[in-house]
Structures are given as structure tokens and as C-alpha cells.
Amino acid sequence: MLGGGDGPALEIVAAGPPGPSRGAPILFVHGAFGGAWIWAERMMPFLARRGRAVAAVSLRGHGRSEGHEALDTTSLADFGADLRRVVASLREPPILVGHSLGGLLAQLALGRLPLRGLVLLGSLPPEGLAVVGPRLALTEPLIWSESFMGSLARERAPISDALLRVLFSEGVPVRRAARYAARMTPESARALAEAHLPGPILPAAAIGVPALVLGGADDRLVWPVSTRRTAFYHGGQVRIVPRMGHFLMLDDDAEETAGAVLDWLEARGL
């Protein structure tokens, strides 16, 4: 745990090789409804076995972090403050890896936090939910209604059985997808609302931060066209992963995705 003082105590899950690590540390930030556990399932062990020091944070109100009682009023700025504290605790600027809403937070950190690189997986684009949100309401009303109702109604899970096949690829067995969904927690309705107008984001290339943007070819929440547009905005490399849904880090081919990230890092000496 990262102690409080300037905010709630935050759960930090870390892993690394038995000996000295290679390259910059890698910090993972989860998206809506998640926690550090989503990275610890598959991607973190893969990268640690290959010599990288990796850590994941559960933002306030998620996982084992404090702040669940105040999640209703938690803002994007509060999550950004959590991220700032974690980055400040690291031995050197990290490679920041963000998923979905966590990808938006990672983009908001550009120019505000010292970063060696940026990796986005199934990330919201720079304008957040401004375009994705209305499109979801029209084309994927199940995702739209269930996710928001799951956040507003604390007694219910944010991802219902009906959403499993929408958010997870066909390669993830239903029983395992259900186990993952059971670990999801409601999200801050305030943060989701603010994500529709997140404010200006600096292009990564403009401040010398290399960027890699990955998306699932079968992601029904963040379409490949949004992934490509995000990569173009940041002057980064794009990769659309076949047969993958929104939760790339939990898919059967998650290690392939982690390998693509590792190859990209090593090709740039990061």
C-alpha cells in the first residue's frame, strides 16, 4: 500500500525479476470498474519474467485502496492526484500503461508528470467519451445503460451476465469471464460524466514522449477507428490485435499483447 497523507491509501501490486531489472519501470493504470488485479492476472507476470520491473495501482475506491465510501463524488482530478503520488514514489519516470478510462488519465498526465513512454490499450481517445459516449448509446445501448446503472446502483455489479460477451472476446471462456466480471466494482458517476469533457490533452509527440496505441479488432466499446485516431493524434505507433475484445489484458492472447508492448519498448531502448 502507498500510504495516505495527501490522499487515501492506495493498493500497489508490484512484480519483477529475481535479479536486476531492465529498462524503465512500467506502471499500469486500470480503467473503469477495474483495479490493479486486471494487470496482475497475465500481463505483469509475463513482463516480470522477461526482466521488467512492473507495478499496478488501484485508484481510490477500487480494489483494496481506500476511498470506496467517497467514490460517488470522486473526480478525474482525484484519480489524477492518485497517479501523481504513485509516479512520485517510483525510482525514475515510468512507462505509463493505461486501459480504457485509465488510458484517458494517462493522456491527461502528459506534460504534467515525468514519463518515459506511453502505452494505451483499448483507451478512450483524447476527447474522452464526447464521441464514444453518444455512439455507445446508439449502437451499444446495453453497454451504456448497464455500466452507468451499475455505477449509480451500488448494490448491483457494473458488468452483468448480458455484458460478458460484449466486453470479452469469444476466446475467453464464459466461466472465466464471469469470474472477472464478479471482481469489477462500480465506477464514479462523476468521473464518467467528466470524461465526456476531459479538457485539453497534449500530443505525446509534441513533448517527446513515444507512444504505442493498441486496440482489439473486436472491441465493441472503443472501435479500431478510434484507436487509430488516438495513435495519429499522439504521433505514435498503432496496432490492432485480431480477435481481441475490450479487455485485452485478460484475453487468452494477453501474453501476445504484452509481447508486442515489450518488443516496442526494447526497440526504443526504453
Protein backbone atom coordinates (compact mmCIF):
# COMPACT_ATOMS: atom_id res chain seq x y z
CA MET A 1 0.00 0.00 0.00
CA LEU A 2 1.08 3.55 -0.71
CA GLY A 3 0.32 5.46 2.48
CA GLY A 4 -2.09 8.33 2.72
CA GLY A 5 -1.15 11.84 3.78
CA ASP A 6 -2.18 13.63 0.59
CA GLY A 7 -4.98 11.21 -0.14
CA PRO A 8 -6.38 7.74 0.51
CA ALA A 9 -4.00 4.81 0.89
CA LEU A 10 -3.59 3.15 -2.48
CA GLU A 11 -3.13 -0.52 -3.31
CA ILE A 12 0.06 -1.12 -5.29
CA VAL A 13 0.78 -4.53 -6.82
CA ALA A 14 4.39 -4.97 -7.93
CA ALA A 15 6.45 -7.66 -9.60
CA GLY A 16 9.89 -8.02 -11.09
CA PRO A 17 12.68 -10.43 -11.99
CA PRO A 18 14.78 -12.18 -9.32
CA GLY A 19 17.81 -10.14 -10.33
CA PRO A 20 18.31 -6.60 -11.64
CA SER A 21 15.55 -5.29 -13.89
CA ARG A 22 15.97 -3.87 -17.39
CA GLY A 23 14.75 -0.56 -18.70
CA ALA A 24 12.39 1.95 -17.15
CA PRO A 25 9.78 0.79 -14.65
CA ILE A 26 6.32 0.11 -16.07
CA LEU A 27 3.27 1.49 -14.27
CA PHE A 28 -0.20 0.17 -15.12
CA VAL A 29 -3.41 2.10 -14.52
CA HIS A 30 -6.75 0.33 -14.87
CA GLY A 31 -9.91 1.61 -16.47
CA ALA A 32 -13.47 1.98 -15.20
CA PHE A 33 -14.72 -0.79 -12.89
CA GLY A 34 -11.26 -2.38 -12.61
CA GLY A 35 -8.32 -2.49 -10.22
CA ALA A 36 -4.67 -3.46 -10.11
CA TRP A 37 -5.71 -7.12 -10.29
CA ILE A 38 -6.57 -6.90 -14.01
CA TRP A 39 -2.88 -6.42 -14.82
CA ALA A 40 -1.64 -8.97 -12.28
CA GLU A 41 -3.59 -11.79 -13.93
CA ARG A 42 -1.47 -12.17 -17.07
CA MET A 43 0.49 -9.17 -18.31
CA MET A 44 2.53 -8.33 -15.22
CA PRO A 45 3.87 -11.88 -14.70
CA PHE A 46 4.80 -12.09 -18.39
CA LEU A 47 6.79 -8.85 -18.30
CA ALA A 48 8.40 -9.63 -14.93
CA ARG A 49 9.65 -12.96 -16.27
CA ARG A 50 11.32 -11.02 -19.05
CA GLY A 51 13.26 -8.75 -16.75
CA ARG A 52 10.97 -5.77 -16.32
CA ALA A 53 10.01 -4.08 -13.05
CA VAL A 54 6.24 -3.63 -13.16
CA ALA A 55 3.65 -2.15 -10.82
CA ALA A 56 -0.09 -1.50 -10.96
CA VAL A 57 -2.20 0.86 -8.87
CA SER A 58 -5.79 0.55 -7.76
CA LEU A 59 -7.15 4.08 -7.93
CA ARG A 60 -9.09 5.32 -4.90
CA GLY A 61 -12.37 3.48 -4.47
CA HIS A 62 -11.10 0.46 -6.43
CA GLY A 63 -9.51 -2.83 -5.43
CA ARG A 64 -8.07 -2.69 -1.91
CA SER A 65 -7.45 1.05 -1.99
CA GLU A 66 -9.22 3.35 0.42
CA GLY A 67 -11.93 5.74 -0.75
CA HIS A 68 -14.81 3.40 -1.58
CA GLU A 69 -17.19 5.39 0.61
CA ALA A 70 -16.49 8.60 -1.35
CA LEU A 71 -16.45 7.08 -4.84
CA ASP A 72 -19.71 8.79 -5.84
CA THR A 73 -18.04 12.21 -5.64
CA THR A 74 -14.59 11.21 -6.90
CA SER A 75 -13.43 13.27 -9.88
CA LEU A 76 -10.98 12.73 -12.72
CA ALA A 77 -8.72 15.20 -10.91
CA ASP A 78 -8.81 12.97 -7.81
CA PHE A 79 -7.72 9.98 -9.90
CA GLY A 80 -5.03 12.17 -11.44
CA ALA A 81 -3.79 13.04 -7.95
CA ASP A 82 -3.53 9.32 -7.17
CA LEU A 83 -1.47 8.79 -10.30
CA ARG A 84 0.79 11.71 -9.42
CA ARG A 85 1.52 10.24 -5.98
CA VAL A 86 2.38 6.84 -7.42
CA VAL A 87 4.70 8.27 -10.11
CA ALA A 88 6.44 10.38 -7.46
CA SER A 89 7.11 7.23 -5.42
CA LEU A 90 9.00 5.49 -8.26
CA ARG A 91 12.78 5.50 -8.61
CA GLU A 92 12.58 7.07 -12.07
CA PRO A 93 9.97 8.20 -14.60
CA PRO A 94 7.93 5.22 -15.77
CA ILE A 95 6.43 3.86 -18.92
CA LEU A 96 2.76 4.59 -18.23
CA VAL A 97 0.30 1.96 -19.49
CA GLY A 98 -3.40 2.83 -19.35
CA HIS A 99 -6.55 0.95 -20.27
CA SER A 100 -9.91 2.48 -21.25
CA LEU A 101 -10.68 5.29 -18.77
CA GLY A 102 -7.20 4.72 -17.34
CA GLY A 103 -5.87 5.46 -20.82
CA LEU A 104 -7.60 8.84 -20.69
CA LEU A 105 -5.99 9.50 -17.30
CA ALA A 106 -2.62 8.55 -18.76
CA GLN A 107 -3.14 11.04 -21.61
CA LEU A 108 -4.14 13.75 -19.14
CA ALA A 109 -0.80 13.13 -17.39
CA LEU A 110 1.18 14.14 -20.49
CA GLY A 111 3.14 17.28 -19.73
CA ARG A 112 2.12 17.09 -16.08
CA LEU A 113 4.07 14.03 -14.95
CA PRO A 114 7.57 12.86 -15.95
CA LEU A 115 7.11 9.89 -18.30
CA ARG A 116 9.50 7.81 -20.42
CA GLY A 117 6.76 6.46 -22.65
CA LEU A 118 3.04 6.00 -23.07
CA VAL A 119 1.18 2.78 -23.92
CA LEU A 120 -2.59 2.82 -24.39
CA LEU A 121 -4.73 -0.35 -24.51
CA GLY A 122 -8.38 -0.10 -25.55
CA SER A 123 -8.08 3.52 -24.47
CA LEU A 124 -10.62 6.29 -24.72
CA PRO A 125 -9.50 8.83 -27.32
CA PRO A 126 -8.17 12.29 -26.36
CA GLU A 127 -11.69 13.77 -26.29
CA GLY A 128 -12.75 11.06 -23.84
CA LEU A 129 -16.38 9.98 -24.07
CA ALA A 130 -17.50 13.04 -26.03
CA VAL A 131 -17.84 10.96 -29.22
CA VAL A 132 -17.68 7.42 -27.85
CA GLY A 133 -20.46 8.01 -25.32
CA PRO A 134 -23.24 9.10 -27.71
CA ARG A 135 -22.13 6.43 -30.20
CA LEU A 136 -22.41 3.76 -27.50
CA ALA A 137 -25.86 5.00 -26.54
CA LEU A 138 -26.96 4.46 -30.14
CA THR A 139 -25.06 1.33 -31.18
CA GLU A 140 -24.42 -0.49 -27.88
CA PRO A 141 -27.20 0.59 -25.52
CA LEU A 142 -26.57 -2.46 -23.33
CA ILE A 143 -23.03 -1.30 -22.52
CA TRP A 144 -24.21 2.25 -21.99
CA SER A 145 -27.16 1.52 -19.73
CA GLU A 146 -25.68 -1.36 -17.75
CA SER A 147 -22.36 0.35 -16.98
CA PHE A 148 -23.95 3.59 -15.81
CA MET A 149 -26.75 1.90 -13.91
CA GLY A 150 -24.22 -0.40 -12.27
CA SER A 151 -22.36 2.67 -11.01
CA LEU A 152 -25.44 4.53 -9.84
CA ALA A 153 -26.92 1.46 -8.11
CA ARG A 154 -24.22 0.37 -5.69
CA GLU A 155 -25.93 -2.90 -4.84
CA ARG A 156 -25.50 -4.35 -8.32
CA ALA A 157 -22.46 -5.35 -10.32
CA PRO A 158 -21.41 -2.93 -13.09
CA ILE A 159 -20.96 -5.78 -15.57
CA SER A 160 -23.91 -8.13 -15.84
CA ASP A 161 -24.00 -11.55 -17.45
CA ALA A 162 -25.50 -9.90 -20.51
CA LEU A 163 -22.39 -7.78 -20.94
CA LEU A 164 -19.85 -10.61 -20.75
CA ARG A 165 -19.94 -11.47 -24.43
CA VAL A 166 -19.94 -7.80 -25.37
CA LEU A 167 -16.81 -6.80 -23.44
CA PHE A 168 -14.83 -10.05 -23.59
CA SER A 169 -13.78 -11.76 -26.80
CA GLU A 170 -15.08 -15.18 -27.80
CA GLY A 171 -11.69 -16.60 -26.83
CA VAL A 172 -12.42 -16.04 -23.13
CA PRO A 173 -14.47 -18.92 -21.67
CA VAL A 174 -17.78 -17.75 -20.22
CA ARG A 175 -16.96 -19.12 -16.77
CA ARG A 176 -13.67 -17.20 -16.63
CA ALA A 177 -15.26 -14.03 -17.98
CA ALA A 178 -17.90 -14.32 -15.26
CA ARG A 179 -15.14 -14.59 -12.65
CA TYR A 180 -13.53 -11.43 -13.96
CA ALA A 181 -16.86 -9.60 -14.09
CA ALA A 182 -17.56 -10.54 -10.46
CA ARG A 183 -14.40 -8.68 -9.43
CA MET A 184 -15.42 -5.46 -11.14
CA THR A 185 -16.59 -2.61 -8.93
CA PRO A 186 -18.95 0.30 -9.61
CA GLU A 187 -17.37 3.42 -11.07
CA SER A 188 -17.59 7.07 -10.09
CA ALA A 189 -20.58 8.52 -11.94
CA ARG A 190 -18.94 11.94 -11.57
CA ALA A 191 -15.72 10.79 -13.23
CA LEU A 192 -17.67 9.13 -16.05
CA ALA A 193 -19.60 12.35 -16.60
CA GLU A 194 -16.40 14.43 -16.58
CA ALA A 195 -14.83 12.04 -19.08
CA HIS A 196 -17.20 13.46 -21.70
CA LEU A 197 -15.29 16.77 -21.49
CA PRO A 198 -11.89 15.88 -20.04
CA GLY A 199 -10.09 19.09 -21.06
CA PRO A 200 -7.09 19.65 -23.35
CA ILE A 201 -4.54 16.87 -23.83
CA LEU A 202 -1.05 17.42 -25.21
CA PRO A 203 0.02 15.21 -28.12
CA ALA A 204 2.71 12.84 -26.83
CA ALA A 205 4.99 13.51 -29.80
CA ALA A 206 4.91 17.25 -29.10
CA ILE A 207 6.62 16.72 -25.74
CA GLY A 208 8.95 13.93 -26.83
CA VAL A 209 7.09 11.01 -25.24
CA PRO A 210 6.98 7.92 -27.51
CA ALA A 211 3.54 6.32 -27.70
CA LEU A 212 2.13 2.92 -28.60
CA VAL A 213 -1.64 2.55 -29.03
CA LEU A 214 -3.21 -0.91 -29.14
CA GLY A 215 -6.82 -1.91 -29.61
CA GLY A 216 -8.83 -5.07 -30.07
CA ALA A 217 -10.21 -5.74 -33.52
CA ASP A 218 -13.43 -6.97 -31.86
CA ASP A 219 -13.65 -4.19 -29.24
CA ARG A 220 -17.25 -3.00 -29.27
CA LEU A 221 -16.63 -0.20 -26.79
CA VAL A 222 -13.60 1.51 -28.38
CA TRP A 223 -13.69 0.82 -32.09
CA PRO A 224 -10.45 0.33 -34.08
CA VAL A 225 -11.09 3.61 -35.90
CA SER A 226 -10.87 5.42 -32.54
CA THR A 227 -7.68 3.55 -31.70
CA ARG A 228 -6.09 4.61 -34.99
CA ARG A 229 -7.19 8.20 -34.48
CA THR A 230 -5.69 8.26 -30.98
CA ALA A 231 -2.38 6.97 -32.32
CA PHE A 232 -2.41 9.62 -35.08
CA TYR A 233 -3.10 12.38 -32.54
CA HIS A 234 -0.12 11.35 -30.43
CA GLY A 235 2.19 10.65 -33.35
CA GLY A 236 2.51 7.10 -32.07
CA GLN A 237 2.55 3.57 -33.40
CA VAL A 238 -0.75 1.72 -33.69
CA ARG A 239 -1.52 -1.98 -33.52
CA ILE A 240 -4.95 -3.57 -33.89
CA VAL A 241 -4.88 -7.02 -32.32
CA PRO A 242 -7.02 -9.66 -34.09
CA ARG A 243 -9.81 -11.47 -32.19
CA MET A 244 -9.42 -9.25 -29.12
CA GLY A 245 -12.23 -7.51 -27.23
CA HIS A 246 -12.06 -4.56 -24.85
CA PHE A 247 -10.18 -6.27 -22.02
CA LEU A 248 -7.00 -7.13 -23.93
CA MET A 249 -5.05 -7.83 -20.73
CA LEU A 250 -7.46 -10.58 -19.66
CA ASP A 251 -7.82 -12.32 -23.01
CA ASP A 252 -6.32 -15.72 -23.84
CA ASP A 253 -3.87 -13.88 -26.12
CA ALA A 254 -2.90 -11.34 -23.43
CA GLU A 255 0.71 -12.52 -23.47
CA GLU A 256 0.86 -11.79 -27.19
CA THR A 257 -0.22 -8.24 -26.42
CA ALA A 258 2.33 -7.99 -23.62
CA GLY A 259 4.98 -9.28 -26.02
CA ALA A 260 4.08 -6.56 -28.53
CA VAL A 261 4.50 -3.95 -25.79
CA LEU A 262 7.85 -5.45 -24.78
CA ASP A 263 9.10 -5.51 -28.37
CA TRP A 264 8.13 -1.87 -28.79
CA LEU A 265 9.91 -0.86 -25.57
CA GLU A 266 13.09 -2.71 -26.44
CA ALA A 267 13.16 -1.34 -30.00
CA ARG A 268 13.25 2.14 -28.48
CA GLY A 269 15.67 1.37 -25.69
CA LEU A 270 13.08 2.09 -23.02
